Amino acid sequence: MDKAELISGVAEDLYATEKAIDAALVQATAMFQNMMTARAELGLSAVTFSESQAKVMETLATLGEARAAIVATHQELAKDHRRMGWGVFAAGAGGDKGESGTPIQGSLKVVPPLRVAS
């Protein structure tokens, strides 16, 4: 494998991990909402499901920490990439955003760092 393929593989795994954590957050939030709705529609007391609801909230907090950690990982990998002198890296599956907030399109692009002419 060449350098671009290796870098692309790490980037794809990073994006997949970010999406998986986001999906888990969405699913856990939906579960919590459904638990609250079911309790209310069944006319059950607020005590019903209180322990399980607390566990779902704990799960949401943990997933939030995981999301913050993967975002920090993303930032550190970007720094490492630049430190290695590999220039700007962009790989996109269409939904990923660049620094400008616009979607990154296309395949792997490794752009060498700019040098000041002497």
C-alpha atoms as a PDB file:
ATOM      1  CA  MET A   1       0.000   0.000   0.000  1.00  0.00           C
ATOM      2  CA  ASP A   2       1.197   3.492  -0.720  1.00  0.00           C
ATOM      3  CA  LYS A   3       1.037   6.431   1.693  1.00  0.00           C
ATOM      4  CA  ALA A   4      -2.187   7.845   0.250  1.00  0.00           C
ATOM      5  CA  GLU A   5      -4.001   4.512   0.626  1.00  0.00           C
ATOM      6  CA  LEU A   6      -2.857   4.121   4.232  1.00  0.00           C
ATOM      7  CA  ILE A   7      -3.881   7.668   5.133  1.00  0.00           C
ATOM      8  CA  SER A   8      -7.200   7.221   3.375  1.00  0.00           C
ATOM      9  CA  GLY A   9      -7.881   4.026   5.339  1.00  0.00           C
ATOM     10  CA  VAL A  10      -7.340   5.798   8.654  1.00  0.00           C
ATOM     11  CA  ALA A  11      -9.522   8.711   7.531  1.00  0.00           C
ATOM     12  CA  GLU A  12     -12.337   6.391   6.443  1.00  0.00           C
ATOM     13  CA  ASP A  13     -12.230   4.621   9.814  1.00  0.00           C
ATOM     14  CA  LEU A  14     -12.280   7.967  11.611  1.00  0.00           C
ATOM     15  CA  TYR A  15     -15.331   9.162   9.658  1.00  0.00           C
ATOM     16  CA  ALA A  16     -17.094   5.823  10.203  1.00  0.00           C
ATOM     17  CA  THR A  17     -16.418   6.009  13.946  1.00  0.00           C
ATOM     18  CA  GLU A  18     -17.738   9.576  14.117  1.00  0.00           C
ATOM     19  CA  LYS A  19     -20.897   8.556  12.275  1.00  0.00           C
ATOM     20  CA  ALA A  20     -21.381   5.475  14.482  1.00  0.00           C
ATOM     21  CA  ILE A  21     -21.156   7.541  17.671  1.00  0.00           C
ATOM     22  CA  ASP A  22     -23.608  10.092  16.261  1.00  0.00           C
ATOM     23  CA  ALA A  23     -25.987   7.276  15.281  1.00  0.00           C
ATOM     24  CA  ALA A  24     -25.730   5.778  18.773  1.00  0.00           C
ATOM     25  CA  LEU A  25     -26.547   9.184  20.293  1.00  0.00           C
ATOM     26  CA  VAL A  26     -29.588   9.550  18.055  1.00  0.00           C
ATOM     27  CA  GLN A  27     -30.786   6.019  18.866  1.00  0.00           C
ATOM     28  CA  ALA A  28     -30.313   6.397  22.620  1.00  0.00           C
ATOM     29  CA  THR A  29     -32.127   9.740  22.545  1.00  0.00           C
ATOM     30  CA  ALA A  30     -35.030   8.166  20.644  1.00  0.00           C
ATOM     31  CA  MET A  31     -35.170   5.328  23.172  1.00  0.00           C
ATOM     32  CA  PHE A  32     -35.292   7.804  26.056  1.00  0.00           C
ATOM     33  CA  GLN A  33     -38.055   9.773  24.372  1.00  0.00           C
ATOM     34  CA  ASN A  34     -40.049   6.591  23.713  1.00  0.00           C
ATOM     35  CA  MET A  35     -39.661   5.509  27.341  1.00  0.00           C
ATOM     36  CA  MET A  36     -40.996   8.877  28.528  1.00  0.00           C
ATOM     37  CA  THR A  37     -43.866   8.810  26.039  1.00  0.00           C
ATOM     38  CA  ALA A  38     -44.809   5.212  26.895  1.00  0.00           C
ATOM     39  CA  ARG A  39     -44.842   5.964  30.619  1.00  0.00           C
ATOM     40  CA  ALA A  40     -47.067   9.003  30.096  1.00  0.00           C
ATOM     41  CA  GLU A  41     -49.456   7.300  27.663  1.00  0.00           C
ATOM     42  CA  LEU A  42     -49.779   4.268  29.931  1.00  0.00           C
ATOM     43  CA  GLY A  43     -50.593   6.578  32.834  1.00  0.00           C
ATOM     44  CA  LEU A  44     -47.749   5.249  34.947  1.00  0.00           C
ATOM     45  CA  SER A  45     -46.252   7.210  37.819  1.00  0.00           C
ATOM     46  CA  ALA A  46     -43.042   9.188  37.467  1.00  0.00           C
ATOM     47  CA  VAL A  47     -41.325   6.568  39.627  1.00  0.00           C
ATOM     48  CA  THR A  48     -41.896   3.939  36.936  1.00  0.00           C
ATOM     49  CA  PHE A  49     -38.809   3.525  34.768  1.00  0.00           C
ATOM     50  CA  SER A  50     -36.891   6.062  36.888  1.00  0.00           C
ATOM     51  CA  GLU A  51     -33.874   3.789  37.343  1.00  0.00           C
ATOM     52  CA  SER A  52     -33.823   2.691  33.713  1.00  0.00           C
ATOM     53  CA  GLN A  53     -34.274   6.281  32.544  1.00  0.00           C
ATOM     54  CA  ALA A  54     -31.329   7.300  34.710  1.00  0.00           C
ATOM     55  CA  LYS A  55     -29.250   4.583  33.040  1.00  0.00           C
ATOM     56  CA  VAL A  56     -30.215   5.861  29.582  1.00  0.00           C
ATOM     57  CA  MET A  57     -29.192   9.384  30.631  1.00  0.00           C
ATOM     58  CA  GLU A  58     -25.896   7.949  31.876  1.00  0.00           C
ATOM     59  CA  THR A  59     -25.481   6.277  28.488  1.00  0.00           C
ATOM     60  CA  LEU A  60     -26.161   9.572  26.714  1.00  0.00           C
ATOM     61  CA  ALA A  61     -23.547  11.314  28.858  1.00  0.00           C
ATOM     62  CA  THR A  62     -21.008   8.590  28.102  1.00  0.00           C
ATOM     63  CA  LEU A  63     -21.756   8.788  24.377  1.00  0.00           C
ATOM     64  CA  GLY A  64     -21.356  12.558  24.591  1.00  0.00           C
ATOM     65  CA  GLU A  65     -17.916  12.040  26.115  1.00  0.00           C
ATOM     66  CA  ALA A  66     -17.090   9.545  23.368  1.00  0.00           C
ATOM     67  CA  ARG A  67     -18.141  12.078  20.749  1.00  0.00           C
ATOM     68  CA  ALA A  68     -15.955  14.762  22.306  1.00  0.00           C
ATOM     69  CA  ALA A  69     -13.042  12.300  22.375  1.00  0.00           C
ATOM     70  CA  ILE A  70     -13.397  11.298  18.710  1.00  0.00           C
ATOM     71  CA  VAL A  71     -13.605  14.969  17.698  1.00  0.00           C
ATOM     72  CA  ALA A  72     -10.397  15.572  19.675  1.00  0.00           C
ATOM     73  CA  THR A  73      -8.865  12.545  17.946  1.00  0.00           C
ATOM     74  CA  HIS A  74      -9.824  14.046  14.590  1.00  0.00           C
ATOM     75  CA  GLN A  75      -8.135  17.313  15.502  1.00  0.00           C
ATOM     76  CA  GLU A  76      -4.982  15.551  16.726  1.00  0.00           C
ATOM     77  CA  LEU A  77      -4.778  13.429  13.584  1.00  0.00           C
ATOM     78  CA  ALA A  78      -5.045  16.594  11.493  1.00  0.00           C
ATOM     79  CA  LYS A  79      -2.178  18.127  13.487  1.00  0.00           C
ATOM     80  CA  ASP A  80      -0.116  14.948  13.116  1.00  0.00           C
ATOM     81  CA  HIS A  81      -0.778  14.966   9.394  1.00  0.00           C
ATOM     82  CA  ARG A  82       0.483  18.517   9.046  1.00  0.00           C
ATOM     83  CA  ARG A  83       3.455  17.862  11.371  1.00  0.00           C
ATOM     84  CA  MET A  84       4.525  14.988   9.158  1.00  0.00           C
ATOM     85  CA  GLY A  85       4.677  17.452   6.276  1.00  0.00           C
ATOM     86  CA  TRP A  86       1.968  15.715   4.302  1.00  0.00           C
ATOM     87  CA  GLY A  87       0.095  18.946   3.592  1.00  0.00           C
ATOM     88  CA  VAL A  88      -3.661  19.216   3.565  1.00  0.00           C
ATOM     89  CA  PHE A  89      -5.684  16.017   3.600  1.00  0.00           C
ATOM     90  CA  ALA A  90      -9.260  15.677   2.449  1.00  0.00           C
ATOM     91  CA  ALA A  91     -11.227  12.511   1.867  1.00  0.00           C
ATOM     92  CA  GLY A  92     -14.929  12.699   1.484  1.00  0.00           C
ATOM     93  CA  ALA A  93     -17.919  10.477   1.416  1.00  0.00           C
ATOM     94  CA  GLY A  94     -20.058  13.450   0.478  1.00  0.00           C
ATOM     95  CA  GLY A  95     -21.348  14.280   3.948  1.00  0.00           C
ATOM     96  CA  ASP A  96     -18.129  15.338   5.587  1.00  0.00           C
ATOM     97  CA  LYS A  97     -17.481  19.031   6.098  1.00  0.00           C
ATOM     98  CA  GLY A  98     -14.299  20.943   5.493  1.00  0.00           C
ATOM     99  CA  GLU A  99     -13.080  23.893   7.518  1.00  0.00           C
ATOM    100  CA  SER A 100     -15.329  26.240   5.538  1.00  0.00           C
ATOM    101  CA  GLY A 101     -18.387  24.150   6.453  1.00  0.00           C
ATOM    102  CA  THR A 102     -18.958  23.064   2.869  1.00  0.00           C
ATOM    103  CA  PRO A 103     -19.039  19.373   1.971  1.00  0.00           C
ATOM    104  CA  ILE A 104     -15.786  17.773   0.910  1.00  0.00           C
ATOM    105  CA  GLN A 105     -16.307  16.018  -2.392  1.00  0.00           C
ATOM    106  CA  GLY A 106     -14.219  13.501  -4.244  1.00  0.00           C
ATOM    107  CA  SER A 107     -11.536  11.084  -3.276  1.00  0.00           C
ATOM    108  CA  LEU A 108      -8.302  11.324  -1.375  1.00  0.00           C
ATOM    109  CA  LYS A 109      -6.272  14.425  -2.030  1.00  0.00           C
ATOM    110  CA  VAL A 110      -2.885  14.898  -0.435  1.00  0.00           C
ATOM    111  CA  VAL A 111      -1.694  18.413  -1.184  1.00  0.00           C
ATOM    112  CA  PRO A 112       1.942  19.130  -0.387  1.00  0.00           C
ATOM    113  CA  PRO A 113       2.605  22.027   1.994  1.00  0.00           C
ATOM    114  CA  LEU A 114       3.181  25.422   0.406  1.00  0.00           C
ATOM    115  CA  ARG A 115       6.704  26.787   0.439  1.00  0.00           C
ATOM    116  CA  VAL A 116       7.721  30.397   0.369  1.00  0.00           C
ATOM    117  CA  ALA A 117       9.851  31.234  -2.645  1.00  0.00           C
ATOM    118  CA  SER A 118      13.282  32.570  -1.797  1.00  0.00           C
END
